[in-house]
PDB file of N, CA and C in Angstrom:
ATOM      1  N   MET A   1      20.644  -9.217  11.043  1.00  0.00           N
ATOM      2  CA  MET A   1      19.955  -8.310  10.143  1.00  0.00           C
ATOM      3  C   MET A   1      18.744  -7.729  10.858  1.00  0.00           C
ATOM      4  N   ASN A   2      18.481  -6.478  10.622  1.00  0.00           N
ATOM      5  CA  ASN A   2      17.338  -5.766  11.166  1.00  0.00           C
ATOM      6  C   ASN A   2      16.196  -5.838  10.152  1.00  0.00           C
ATOM      7  N   PHE A   3      14.944  -5.985  10.635  1.00  0.00           N
ATOM      8  CA  PHE A   3      13.803  -6.067   9.729  1.00  0.00           C
ATOM      9  C   PHE A   3      13.748  -4.857   8.797  1.00  0.00           C
ATOM     10  N   GLY A   4      14.065  -3.676   9.329  1.00  0.00           N
ATOM     11  CA  GLY A   4      14.042  -2.458   8.525  1.00  0.00           C
ATOM     12  C   GLY A   4      14.992  -2.496   7.342  1.00  0.00           C
ATOM     13  N   GLU A   5      16.051  -3.287   7.425  1.00  0.00           N
ATOM     14  CA  GLU A   5      17.006  -3.393   6.325  1.00  0.00           C
ATOM     15  C   GLU A   5      16.416  -4.109   5.117  1.00  0.00           C
ATOM     16  N   MET A   6      15.348  -4.871   5.318  1.00  0.00           N
ATOM     17  CA  MET A   6      14.702  -5.596   4.213  1.00  0.00           C
ATOM     18  C   MET A   6      13.765  -4.705   3.414  1.00  0.00           C
ATOM     19  N   LEU A   7      13.291  -3.616   4.027  1.00  0.00           N
ATOM     20  CA  LEU A   7      12.307  -2.753   3.387  1.00  0.00           C
ATOM     21  C   LEU A   7      12.980  -1.816   2.394  1.00  0.00           C
ATOM     22  N   LYS A   8      12.377  -1.693   1.217  1.00  0.00           N
ATOM     23  CA  LYS A   8      12.909  -0.820   0.178  1.00  0.00           C
ATOM     24  C   LYS A   8      11.948   0.337  -0.027  1.00  0.00           C
ATOM     25  N   GLY A   9      12.494   1.472  -0.505  1.00  0.00           N
ATOM     26  CA  GLY A   9      11.674   2.650  -0.746  1.00  0.00           C
ATOM     27  C   GLY A   9      12.045   3.323  -2.052  1.00  0.00           C
ATOM     28  N   ARG A  10      11.669   4.587  -2.176  1.00  0.00           N
ATOM     29  CA  ARG A  10      11.882   5.338  -3.419  1.00  0.00           C
ATOM     30  C   ARG A  10      13.343   5.365  -3.860  1.00  0.00           C
ATOM     31  N   GLU A  11      14.268   5.392  -2.917  1.00  0.00           N
ATOM     32  CA  GLU A  11      15.688   5.488  -3.267  1.00  0.00           C
ATOM     33  C   GLU A  11      16.200   4.261  -4.018  1.00  0.00           C
ATOM     34  N   GLU A  12      15.520   3.121  -3.864  1.00  0.00           N
ATOM     35  CA  GLU A  12      15.923   1.900  -4.575  1.00  0.00           C
ATOM     36  C   GLU A  12      15.122   1.659  -5.852  1.00  0.00           C
ATOM     37  N   GLU A  13      14.151   2.511  -6.109  1.00  0.00           N
ATOM     38  CA  GLU A  13      13.259   2.299  -7.253  1.00  0.00           C
ATOM     39  C   GLU A  13      14.035   2.315  -8.565  1.00  0.00           C
ATOM     40  N   GLY A  14      13.690   1.396  -9.432  1.00  0.00           N
ATOM     41  CA  GLY A  14      14.306   1.316 -10.753  1.00  0.00           C
ATOM     42  C   GLY A  14      13.271   1.604 -11.821  1.00  0.00           C
ATOM     43  N   LYS A  15      13.376   0.913 -12.948  1.00  0.00           N
ATOM     44  CA  LYS A  15      12.443   1.155 -14.050  1.00  0.00           C
ATOM     45  C   LYS A  15      11.040   0.631 -13.760  1.00  0.00           C
ATOM     46  N   GLU A  16      10.939  -0.379 -12.908  1.00  0.00           N
ATOM     47  CA  GLU A  16       9.628  -0.902 -12.536  1.00  0.00           C
ATOM     48  C   GLU A  16       9.123  -0.152 -11.314  1.00  0.00           C
ATOM     49  N   ASN A  17       7.847   0.060 -11.267  1.00  0.00           N
ATOM     50  CA  ASN A  17       7.248   0.837 -10.196  1.00  0.00           C
ATOM     51  C   ASN A  17       6.825  -0.086  -9.059  1.00  0.00           C
ATOM     52  N   HIS A  18       7.567  -0.057  -7.930  1.00  0.00           N
ATOM     53  CA  HIS A  18       7.283  -0.908  -6.781  1.00  0.00           C
ATOM     54  C   HIS A  18       6.716  -0.150  -5.581  1.00  0.00           C
ATOM     55  N   VAL A  19       7.069   1.105  -5.430  1.00  0.00           N
ATOM     56  CA  VAL A  19       6.676   1.843  -4.228  1.00  0.00           C
ATOM     57  C   VAL A  19       5.153   1.979  -4.188  1.00  0.00           C
ATOM     58  N   PRO A  20       4.528   1.536  -3.098  1.00  0.00           N
ATOM     59  CA  PRO A  20       3.074   1.648  -3.012  1.00  0.00           C
ATOM     60  C   PRO A  20       2.639   3.110  -2.844  1.00  0.00           C
ATOM     61  N   GLU A  21       1.775   3.569  -3.730  1.00  0.00           N
ATOM     62  CA  GLU A  21       1.247   4.937  -3.654  1.00  0.00           C
ATOM     63  C   GLU A  21      -0.009   4.906  -2.801  1.00  0.00           C
ATOM     64  N   ILE A  22      -0.150   5.880  -1.911  1.00  0.00           N
ATOM     65  CA  ILE A  22      -1.266   5.929  -0.968  1.00  0.00           C
ATOM     66  C   ILE A  22      -2.116   7.158  -1.267  1.00  0.00           C
ATOM     67  N   GLU A  23      -3.428   6.935  -1.411  1.00  0.00           N
ATOM     68  CA  GLU A  23      -4.376   8.022  -1.645  1.00  0.00           C
ATOM     69  C   GLU A  23      -5.452   7.987  -0.576  1.00  0.00           C
ATOM     70  N   ILE A  24      -5.851   9.165  -0.093  1.00  0.00           N
ATOM     71  CA  ILE A  24      -6.969   9.277   0.842  1.00  0.00           C
ATOM     72  C   ILE A  24      -8.188   9.709   0.041  1.00  0.00           C
ATOM     73  N   ILE A  25      -9.259   8.944   0.113  1.00  0.00           N
ATOM     74  CA  ILE A  25     -10.501   9.257  -0.588  1.00  0.00           C
ATOM     75  C   ILE A  25     -11.556   9.539   0.487  1.00  0.00           C
ATOM     76  N   ARG A  26     -12.098  10.743   0.480  1.00  0.00           N
ATOM     77  CA  ARG A  26     -13.075  11.127   1.507  1.00  0.00           C
ATOM     78  C   ARG A  26     -14.479  11.224   0.930  1.00  0.00           C
ATOM     79  N   GLU A  27     -15.435  10.788   1.735  1.00  0.00           N
ATOM     80  CA  GLU A  27     -16.860  10.925   1.440  1.00  0.00           C
ATOM     81  C   GLU A  27     -17.215  10.437   0.046  1.00  0.00           C
ATOM     82  N   HIS A  28     -16.810   9.215  -0.249  1.00  0.00           N
ATOM     83  CA  HIS A  28     -17.055   8.616  -1.560  1.00  0.00           C
ATOM     84  C   HIS A  28     -18.451   8.013  -1.654  1.00  0.00           C
ATOM     85  N   GLY A  29     -19.121   8.265  -2.748  1.00  0.00           N
ATOM     86  CA  GLY A  29     -20.405   7.645  -3.025  1.00  0.00           C
ATOM     87  C   GLY A  29     -21.543   8.146  -2.162  1.00  0.00           C
ATOM     88  N   GLN A  30     -22.685   7.491  -2.308  1.00  0.00           N
ATOM     89  CA  GLN A  30     -23.873   7.885  -1.555  1.00  0.00           C
ATOM     90  C   GLN A  30     -23.688   7.729  -0.057  1.00  0.00           C
ATOM     91  N   ALA A  31     -22.912   6.725   0.336  1.00  0.00           N
ATOM     92  CA  ALA A  31     -22.693   6.471   1.768  1.00  0.00           C
ATOM     93  C   ALA A  31     -21.666   7.420   2.375  1.00  0.00           C
ATOM     94  N   LYS A  32     -21.026   8.245   1.535  1.00  0.00           N
ATOM     95  CA  LYS A  32     -20.009   9.202   2.008  1.00  0.00           C
ATOM     96  C   LYS A  32     -18.916   8.494   2.804  1.00  0.00           C
ATOM     97  N   THR A  33     -18.419   7.385   2.252  1.00  0.00           N
ATOM     98  CA  THR A  33     -17.420   6.544   2.907  1.00  0.00           C
ATOM     99  C   THR A  33     -16.020   7.101   2.708  1.00  0.00           C
ATOM    100  N   ASP A  34     -15.223   7.055   3.768  1.00  0.00           N
ATOM    101  CA  ASP A  34     -13.799   7.402   3.680  1.00  0.00           C
ATOM    102  C   ASP A  34     -13.016   6.113   3.491  1.00  0.00           C
ATOM    103  N   PHE A  35     -12.034   6.144   2.600  1.00  0.00           N
ATOM    104  CA  PHE A  35     -11.165   4.985   2.473  1.00  0.00           C
ATOM    105  C   PHE A  35      -9.777   5.395   2.015  1.00  0.00           C
ATOM    106  N   VAL A  36      -8.860   4.469   2.165  1.00  0.00           N
ATOM    107  CA  VAL A  36      -7.479   4.655   1.746  1.00  0.00           C
ATOM    108  C   VAL A  36      -7.220   3.663   0.617  1.00  0.00           C
ATOM    109  N   ARG A  37      -6.728   4.177  -0.494  1.00  0.00           N
ATOM    110  CA  ARG A  37      -6.411   3.336  -1.659  1.00  0.00           C
ATOM    111  C   ARG A  37      -4.899   3.227  -1.757  1.00  0.00           C
ATOM    112  N   VAL A  38      -4.417   1.995  -1.960  1.00  0.00           N
ATOM    113  CA  VAL A  38      -2.990   1.751  -2.169  1.00  0.00           C
ATOM    114  C   VAL A  38      -2.839   1.124  -3.549  1.00  0.00           C
ATOM    115  N   ILE A  39      -1.972   1.733  -4.349  1.00  0.00           N
ATOM    116  CA  ILE A  39      -1.768   1.298  -5.726  1.00  0.00           C
ATOM    117  C   ILE A  39      -0.289   1.030  -5.944  1.00  0.00           C
ATOM    118  N   VAL A  40       0.030  -0.101  -6.535  1.00  0.00           N
ATOM    119  CA  VAL A  40       1.402  -0.379  -6.962  1.00  0.00           C
ATOM    120  C   VAL A  40       1.405  -0.287  -8.482  1.00  0.00           C
ATOM    121  N   GLY A  41       2.261   0.580  -9.006  1.00  0.00           N
ATOM    122  CA  GLY A  41       2.324   0.751 -10.456  1.00  0.00           C
ATOM    123  C   GLY A  41       1.366   1.797 -10.976  1.00  0.00           C
ATOM    124  N   LYS A  42       1.148   2.857 -10.217  1.00  0.00           N
ATOM    125  CA  LYS A  42       0.201   3.889 -10.619  1.00  0.00           C
ATOM    126  C   LYS A  42       0.654   4.600 -11.896  1.00  0.00           C
ATOM    127  N   GLU A  43       1.893   5.041 -11.925  1.00  0.00           N
ATOM    128  CA  GLU A  43       2.409   5.765 -13.096  1.00  0.00           C
ATOM    129  C   GLU A  43       2.944   4.816 -14.165  1.00  0.00           C
ATOM    130  N   VAL A  44       3.677   3.819 -13.735  1.00  0.00           N
ATOM    131  CA  VAL A  44       4.242   2.813 -14.640  1.00  0.00           C
ATOM    132  C   VAL A  44       3.755   1.458 -14.141  1.00  0.00           C
ATOM    133  N   PRO A  45       2.902   0.775 -14.886  1.00  0.00           N
ATOM    134  CA  PRO A  45       2.357  -0.505 -14.409  1.00  0.00           C
ATOM    135  C   PRO A  45       3.458  -1.519 -14.071  1.00  0.00           C
ATOM    136  N   HIS A  46       3.273  -2.166 -12.935  1.00  0.00           N
ATOM    137  CA  HIS A  46       4.187  -3.233 -12.538  1.00  0.00           C
ATOM    138  C   HIS A  46       3.835  -4.474 -13.350  1.00  0.00           C
ATOM    139  N   PRO A  47       4.825  -5.302 -13.721  1.00  0.00           N
ATOM    140  CA  PRO A  47       4.500  -6.554 -14.417  1.00  0.00           C
ATOM    141  C   PRO A  47       3.499  -7.386 -13.605  1.00  0.00           C
ATOM    142  N   ASN A  48       2.656  -8.100 -14.301  1.00  0.00           N
ATOM    143  CA  ASN A  48       1.643  -8.919 -13.646  1.00  0.00           C
ATOM    144  C   ASN A  48       1.577 -10.274 -14.351  1.00  0.00           C
ATOM    145  N   THR A  49       2.697 -10.990 -14.249  1.00  0.00           N
ATOM    146  CA  THR A  49       2.797 -12.318 -14.845  1.00  0.00           C
ATOM    147  C   THR A  49       3.018 -13.343 -13.743  1.00  0.00           C
ATOM    148  N   VAL A  50       2.881 -14.594 -14.060  1.00  0.00           N
ATOM    149  CA  VAL A  50       3.137 -15.645 -13.079  1.00  0.00           C
ATOM    150  C   VAL A  50       4.575 -15.547 -12.581  1.00  0.00           C
ATOM    151  N   GLU A  51       5.482 -15.180 -13.461  1.00  0.00           N
ATOM    152  CA  GLU A  51       6.902 -15.119 -13.111  1.00  0.00           C
ATOM    153  C   GLU A  51       7.257 -13.882 -12.287  1.00  0.00           C
ATOM    154  N   HIS A  52       6.513 -12.774 -12.440  1.00  0.00           N
ATOM    155  CA  HIS A  52       6.850 -11.500 -11.791  1.00  0.00           C
ATOM    156  C   HIS A  52       5.567 -10.734 -11.495  1.00  0.00           C
ATOM    157  N   HIS A  53       5.241 -10.604 -10.196  1.00  0.00           N
ATOM    158  CA  HIS A  53       3.981  -9.969  -9.817  1.00  0.00           C
ATOM    159  C   HIS A  53       4.015  -9.483  -8.370  1.00  0.00           C
ATOM    160  N   ILE A  54       3.021  -8.681  -8.013  1.00  0.00           N
ATOM    161  CA  ILE A  54       2.817  -8.238  -6.633  1.00  0.00           C
ATOM    162  C   ILE A  54       1.926  -9.281  -5.958  1.00  0.00           C
ATOM    163  N   GLU A  55       2.395  -9.803  -4.817  1.00  0.00           N
ATOM    164  CA  GLU A  55       1.629 -10.840  -4.107  1.00  0.00           C
ATOM    165  C   GLU A  55       0.652 -10.268  -3.087  1.00  0.00           C
ATOM    166  N   TRP A  56       1.049  -9.183  -2.374  1.00  0.00           N
ATOM    167  CA  TRP A  56       0.157  -8.635  -1.357  1.00  0.00           C
ATOM    168  C   TRP A  56       0.476  -7.171  -1.054  1.00  0.00           C
ATOM    169  N   ILE A  57      -0.520  -6.501  -0.472  1.00  0.00           N
ATOM    170  CA  ILE A  57      -0.396  -5.128   0.043  1.00  0.00           C
ATOM    171  C   ILE A  57      -0.963  -5.129   1.454  1.00  0.00           C
ATOM    172  N   GLU A  58      -0.252  -4.465   2.373  1.00  0.00           N
ATOM    173  CA  GLU A  58      -0.743  -4.275   3.742  1.00  0.00           C
ATOM    174  C   GLU A  58      -0.804  -2.781   4.027  1.00  0.00           C
ATOM    175  N   LEU A  59      -1.767  -2.373   4.875  1.00  0.00           N
ATOM    176  CA  LEU A  59      -1.895  -0.974   5.262  1.00  0.00           C
ATOM    177  C   LEU A  59      -1.925  -0.851   6.777  1.00  0.00           C
ATOM    178  N   TYR A  60      -1.167   0.120   7.282  1.00  0.00           N
ATOM    179  CA  TYR A  60      -1.115   0.435   8.707  1.00  0.00           C
ATOM    180  C   TYR A  60      -1.447   1.906   8.881  1.00  0.00           C
ATOM    181  N   GLY A  61      -2.166   2.199   9.943  1.00  0.00           N
ATOM    182  CA  GLY A  61      -2.454   3.586  10.289  1.00  0.00           C
ATOM    183  C   GLY A  61      -1.778   3.928  11.599  1.00  0.00           C
ATOM    184  N   ILE A  62      -1.281   5.154  11.699  1.00  0.00           N
ATOM    185  CA  ILE A  62      -0.688   5.642  12.941  1.00  0.00           C
ATOM    186  C   ILE A  62      -1.627   6.708  13.486  1.00  0.00           C
ATOM    187  N   THR A  63      -2.175   6.451  14.675  1.00  0.00           N
ATOM    188  CA  THR A  63      -3.133   7.383  15.266  1.00  0.00           C
ATOM    189  C   THR A  63      -2.402   8.634  15.757  1.00  0.00           C
ATOM    190  N   LYS A  64      -3.186   9.658  16.039  1.00  0.00           N
ATOM    191  CA  LYS A  64      -2.613  10.899  16.564  1.00  0.00           C
ATOM    192  C   LYS A  64      -1.946  10.675  17.914  1.00  0.00           C
ATOM    193  N   GLU A  65      -2.319   9.606  18.600  1.00  0.00           N
ATOM    194  CA  GLU A  65      -1.684   9.260  19.884  1.00  0.00           C
ATOM    195  C   GLU A  65      -0.428   8.416  19.687  1.00  0.00           C
ATOM    196  N   GLY A  66      -0.118   8.052  18.444  1.00  0.00           N
ATOM    197  CA  GLY A  66       1.093   7.289  18.157  1.00  0.00           C
ATOM    198  C   GLY A  66       0.914   5.788  18.127  1.00  0.00           C
ATOM    199  N   ARG A  67      -0.297   5.307  18.200  1.00  0.00           N
ATOM    200  CA  ARG A  67      -0.579   3.870  18.163  1.00  0.00           C
ATOM    201  C   ARG A  67      -0.614   3.378  16.718  1.00  0.00           C
ATOM    202  N   THR A  68      -0.025   2.217  16.450  1.00  0.00           N
ATOM    203  CA  THR A  68      -0.038   1.629  15.112  1.00  0.00           C
ATOM    204  C   THR A  68      -1.183   0.634  15.018  1.00  0.00           C
ATOM    205  N   ILE A  69      -2.035   0.821  13.986  1.00  0.00           N
ATOM    206  CA  ILE A  69      -3.199  -0.029  13.783  1.00  0.00           C
ATOM    207  C   ILE A  69      -3.025  -0.784  12.463  1.00  0.00           C
ATOM    208  N   ASP A  70      -3.157  -2.096  12.504  1.00  0.00           N
ATOM    209  CA  ASP A  70      -3.131  -2.926  11.291  1.00  0.00           C
ATOM    210  C   ASP A  70      -4.512  -2.833  10.652  1.00  0.00           C
ATOM    211  N   LEU A  71      -4.594  -2.167   9.493  1.00  0.00           N
ATOM    212  CA  LEU A  71      -5.875  -1.931   8.837  1.00  0.00           C
ATOM    213  C   LEU A  71      -6.241  -3.000   7.818  1.00  0.00           C
ATOM    214  N   GLY A  72      -5.311  -3.889   7.521  1.00  0.00           N
ATOM    215  CA  GLY A  72      -5.672  -4.985   6.642  1.00  0.00           C
ATOM    216  C   GLY A  72      -4.613  -5.358   5.632  1.00  0.00           C
ATOM    217  N   ARG A  73      -4.922  -6.433   4.924  1.00  0.00           N
ATOM    218  CA  ARG A  73      -4.021  -6.988   3.909  1.00  0.00           C
ATOM    219  C   ARG A  73      -4.881  -7.507   2.758  1.00  0.00           C
ATOM    220  N   MET A  74      -4.399  -7.274   1.550  1.00  0.00           N
ATOM    221  CA  MET A  74      -5.044  -7.843   0.369  1.00  0.00           C
ATOM    222  C   MET A  74      -4.009  -8.644  -0.391  1.00  0.00           C
ATOM    223  N   GLU A  75      -4.418  -9.812  -0.850  1.00  0.00           N
ATOM    224  CA  GLU A  75      -3.534 -10.680  -1.629  1.00  0.00           C
ATOM    225  C   GLU A  75      -4.018 -10.707  -3.070  1.00  0.00           C
ATOM    226  N   PHE A  76      -3.074 -10.882  -3.996  1.00  0.00           N
ATOM    227  CA  PHE A  76      -3.378 -10.798  -5.412  1.00  0.00           C
ATOM    228  C   PHE A  76      -2.878 -12.032  -6.148  1.00  0.00           C
ATOM    229  N   GLU A  77      -3.661 -12.477  -7.106  1.00  0.00           N
ATOM    230  CA  GLU A  77      -3.273 -13.568  -7.986  1.00  0.00           C
ATOM    231  C   GLU A  77      -2.639 -12.973  -9.236  1.00  0.00           C
ATOM    232  N   PRO A  78      -1.512 -13.515  -9.677  1.00  0.00           N
ATOM    233  CA  PRO A  78      -0.916 -12.987 -10.901  1.00  0.00           C
ATOM    234  C   PRO A  78      -1.856 -13.154 -12.089  1.00  0.00           C
ATOM    235  N   VAL A  79      -1.750 -12.236 -13.011  1.00  0.00           N
ATOM    236  CA  VAL A  79      -2.495 -12.218 -14.262  1.00  0.00           C
ATOM    237  C   VAL A  79      -3.953 -11.779 -14.050  1.00  0.00           C
ATOM    238  N   HIS A  80      -4.652 -12.329 -13.056  1.00  0.00           N
ATOM    239  CA  HIS A  80      -6.084 -12.118 -12.896  1.00  0.00           C
ATOM    240  C   HIS A  80      -6.462 -10.889 -12.081  1.00  0.00           C
ATOM    241  N   THR A  81      -5.568 -10.378 -11.236  1.00  0.00           N
ATOM    242  CA  THR A  81      -5.886  -9.213 -10.404  1.00  0.00           C
ATOM    243  C   THR A  81      -4.785  -8.174 -10.503  1.00  0.00           C
ATOM    244  N   ASN A  82      -5.164  -6.924 -10.318  1.00  0.00           N
ATOM    245  CA  ASN A  82      -4.191  -5.829 -10.319  1.00  0.00           C
ATOM    246  C   ASN A  82      -3.909  -5.406  -8.889  1.00  0.00           C
ATOM    247  N   PRO A  83      -2.704  -4.922  -8.601  1.00  0.00           N
ATOM    248  CA  PRO A  83      -2.338  -4.551  -7.234  1.00  0.00           C
ATOM    249  C   PRO A  83      -2.894  -3.187  -6.825  1.00  0.00           C
ATOM    250  N   VAL A  84      -4.206  -3.152  -6.611  1.00  0.00           N
ATOM    251  CA  VAL A  84      -4.905  -1.966  -6.116  1.00  0.00           C
ATOM    252  C   VAL A  84      -5.755  -2.429  -4.945  1.00  0.00           C
ATOM    253  N   ALA A  85      -5.566  -1.792  -3.795  1.00  0.00           N
ATOM    254  CA  ALA A  85      -6.283  -2.199  -2.583  1.00  0.00           C
ATOM    255  C   ALA A  85      -7.023  -1.004  -2.001  1.00  0.00           C
ATOM    256  N   ASN A  86      -8.299  -1.190  -1.695  1.00  0.00           N
ATOM    257  CA  ASN A  86      -9.111  -0.163  -1.045  1.00  0.00           C
ATOM    258  C   ASN A  86      -9.436  -0.626   0.368  1.00  0.00           C
ATOM    259  N   PHE A  87      -9.100   0.224   1.340  1.00  0.00           N
ATOM    260  CA  PHE A  87      -9.355  -0.078   2.748  1.00  0.00           C
ATOM    261  C   PHE A  87     -10.326   0.966   3.298  1.00  0.00           C
ATOM    262  N   HIS A  88     -11.529   0.537   3.676  1.00  0.00           N
ATOM    263  CA  HIS A  88     -12.486   1.454   4.295  1.00  0.00           C
ATOM    264  C   HIS A  88     -12.010   1.727   5.716  1.00  0.00           C
ATOM    265  N   VAL A  89     -11.882   3.012   6.059  1.00  0.00           N
ATOM    266  CA  VAL A  89     -11.327   3.401   7.357  1.00  0.00           C
ATOM    267  C   VAL A  89     -12.341   4.273   8.082  1.00  0.00           C
ATOM    268  N   ASN A  90     -12.815   3.800   9.220  1.00  0.00           N
ATOM    269  CA  ASN A  90     -13.696   4.601  10.064  1.00  0.00           C
ATOM    270  C   ASN A  90     -12.858   5.629  10.821  1.00  0.00           C
ATOM    271  N   ASN A  91     -13.434   6.771  11.074  1.00  0.00           N
ATOM    272  CA  ASN A  91     -12.769   7.809  11.873  1.00  0.00           C
ATOM    273  C   ASN A  91     -11.385   8.162  11.308  1.00  0.00           C
ATOM    274  N   ILE A  92     -11.328   8.411  10.019  1.00  0.00           N
ATOM    275  CA  ILE A  92     -10.051   8.665   9.339  1.00  0.00           C
ATOM    276  C   ILE A  92      -9.307   9.851   9.965  1.00  0.00           C
ATOM    277  N   ASP A  93     -10.049  10.784  10.558  1.00  0.00           N
ATOM    278  CA  ASP A  93      -9.409  11.958  11.173  1.00  0.00           C
ATOM    279  C   ASP A  93      -8.684  11.619  12.470  1.00  0.00           C
ATOM    280  N   ASP A  94      -8.840  10.386  12.980  1.00  0.00           N
ATOM    281  CA  ASP A  94      -8.098   9.956  14.169  1.00  0.00           C
ATOM    282  C   ASP A  94      -6.651   9.596  13.831  1.00  0.00           C
ATOM    283  N   PHE A  95      -6.317   9.539  12.532  1.00  0.00           N
ATOM    284  CA  PHE A  95      -4.982   9.118  12.098  1.00  0.00           C
ATOM    285  C   PHE A  95      -4.136  10.312  11.676  1.00  0.00           C
ATOM    286  N   LYS A  96      -2.836  10.182  11.950  1.00  0.00           N
ATOM    287  CA  LYS A  96      -1.902  11.220  11.492  1.00  0.00           C
ATOM    288  C   LYS A  96      -1.068  10.743  10.301  1.00  0.00           C
ATOM    289  N   ALA A  97      -1.033   9.428  10.067  1.00  0.00           N
ATOM    290  CA  ALA A  97      -0.240   8.895   8.951  1.00  0.00           C
ATOM    291  C   ALA A  97      -0.749   7.511   8.575  1.00  0.00           C
ATOM    292  N   PHE A  98      -0.434   7.140   7.340  1.00  0.00           N
ATOM    293  CA  PHE A  98      -0.700   5.794   6.849  1.00  0.00           C
ATOM    294  C   PHE A  98       0.578   5.270   6.211  1.00  0.00           C
ATOM    295  N   CYS A  99       0.857   3.975   6.436  1.00  0.00           N
ATOM    296  CA  CYS A  99       2.031   3.331   5.861  1.00  0.00           C
ATOM    297  C   CYS A  99       1.587   2.053   5.159  1.00  0.00           C
ATOM    298  N   ALA A 100       2.142   1.840   3.978  1.00  0.00           N
ATOM    299  CA  ALA A 100       1.809   0.647   3.202  1.00  0.00           C
ATOM    300  C   ALA A 100       3.064  -0.158   2.936  1.00  0.00           C
ATOM    301  N   LEU A 101       2.890  -1.478   2.919  1.00  0.00           N
ATOM    302  CA  LEU A 101       3.932  -2.411   2.513  1.00  0.00           C
ATOM    303  C   LEU A 101       3.387  -3.211   1.342  1.00  0.00           C
ATOM    304  N   GLU A 102       4.259  -3.592   0.428  1.00  0.00           N
ATOM    305  CA  GLU A 102       3.865  -4.500  -0.644  1.00  0.00           C
ATOM    306  C   GLU A 102       5.003  -5.450  -0.917  1.00  0.00           C
ATOM    307  N   TYR A 103       4.634  -6.638  -1.428  1.00  0.00           N
ATOM    308  CA  TYR A 103       5.631  -7.671  -1.696  1.00  0.00           C
ATOM    309  C   TYR A 103       5.607  -8.058  -3.163  1.00  0.00           C
ATOM    310  N   CYS A 104       6.756  -7.871  -3.824  1.00  0.00           N
ATOM    311  CA  CYS A 104       6.978  -8.326  -5.190  1.00  0.00           C
ATOM    312  C   CYS A 104       7.707  -9.667  -5.098  1.00  0.00           C
ATOM    313  N   ASN A 105       7.233 -10.674  -5.823  1.00  0.00           N
ATOM    314  CA  ASN A 105       7.814 -12.009  -5.692  1.00  0.00           C
ATOM    315  C   ASN A 105       9.274 -12.071  -6.144  1.00  0.00           C
ATOM    316  N   ILE A 106       9.760 -11.063  -6.875  1.00  0.00           N
ATOM    317  CA  ILE A 106      11.168 -11.041  -7.296  1.00  0.00           C
ATOM    318  C   ILE A 106      11.984 -10.019  -6.502  1.00  0.00           C
ATOM    319  N   HIS A 107      11.414  -8.823  -6.260  1.00  0.00           N
ATOM    320  CA  HIS A 107      12.194  -7.714  -5.702  1.00  0.00           C
ATOM    321  C   HIS A 107      11.945  -7.429  -4.225  1.00  0.00           C
ATOM    322  N   GLY A 108      11.144  -8.242  -3.544  1.00  0.00           N
ATOM    323  CA  GLY A 108      11.011  -8.117  -2.100  1.00  0.00           C
ATOM    324  C   GLY A 108       9.958  -7.144  -1.618  1.00  0.00           C
ATOM    325  N   VAL A 109      10.152  -6.663  -0.376  1.00  0.00           N
ATOM    326  CA  VAL A 109       9.169  -5.833   0.317  1.00  0.00           C
ATOM    327  C   VAL A 109       9.512  -4.356   0.146  1.00  0.00           C
ATOM    328  N   TRP A 110       8.491  -3.583  -0.235  1.00  0.00           N
ATOM    329  CA  TRP A 110       8.635  -2.150  -0.468  1.00  0.00           C
ATOM    330  C   TRP A 110       7.692  -1.396   0.457  1.00  0.00           C
ATOM    331  N   GLN A 111       8.063  -0.160   0.804  1.00  0.00           N
ATOM    332  CA  GLN A 111       7.279   0.623   1.762  1.00  0.00           C
ATOM    333  C   GLN A 111       7.055   2.050   1.284  1.00  0.00           C
ATOM    334  N   ASN A 112       6.023   2.660   1.842  1.00  0.00           N
ATOM    335  CA  ASN A 112       5.782   4.077   1.671  1.00  0.00           C
ATOM    336  C   ASN A 112       4.870   4.523   2.795  1.00  0.00           C
ATOM    337  N   CYS A 113       5.054   5.756   3.263  1.00  0.00           N
ATOM    338  CA  CYS A 113       4.213   6.359   4.301  1.00  0.00           C
ATOM    339  C   CYS A 113       3.834   7.768   3.871  1.00  0.00           C
ATOM    340  N   ILE A 114       2.640   8.174   4.265  1.00  0.00           N
ATOM    341  CA  ILE A 114       2.234   9.570   4.067  1.00  0.00           C
ATOM    342  C   ILE A 114       1.680  10.106   5.374  1.00  0.00           C
ATOM    343  N   GLU A 115       1.876  11.384   5.605  1.00  0.00           N
ATOM    344  CA  GLU A 115       1.259  12.061   6.737  1.00  0.00           C
ATOM    345  C   GLU A 115       0.039  12.802   6.229  1.00  0.00           C
ATOM    346  N   ILE A 116      -1.001  12.843   7.052  1.00  0.00           N
ATOM    347  CA  ILE A 116      -2.219  13.562   6.624  1.00  0.00           C
ATOM    348  C   ILE A 116      -2.519  14.713   7.572  1.00  0.00           C
TER     349      ILE A 116
END
């Protein structure tokens, strides 16, 4: 089996919202901070119970030179936290794309990428 075969995307999406949505937020707040927000369940909330929940979100950036940078991972506790992750990114204009992975304890690993 190839690792890529484990990753699911929009084509496998069902009634529950698993695909991680990626937003670029520029010059936020007084500090004018740039960050990337990843949300699972933006339009339709994903279940958040002990039995069915999102365990983690990871974010990767692809530089204009084609290098992949691991920008971080956030883990979530069922019931107490929602699957929304904010990653502060320095030099956001050095990136040409961002890719997110998320893990649902029942439905596996899901992916999404955006080009900027």
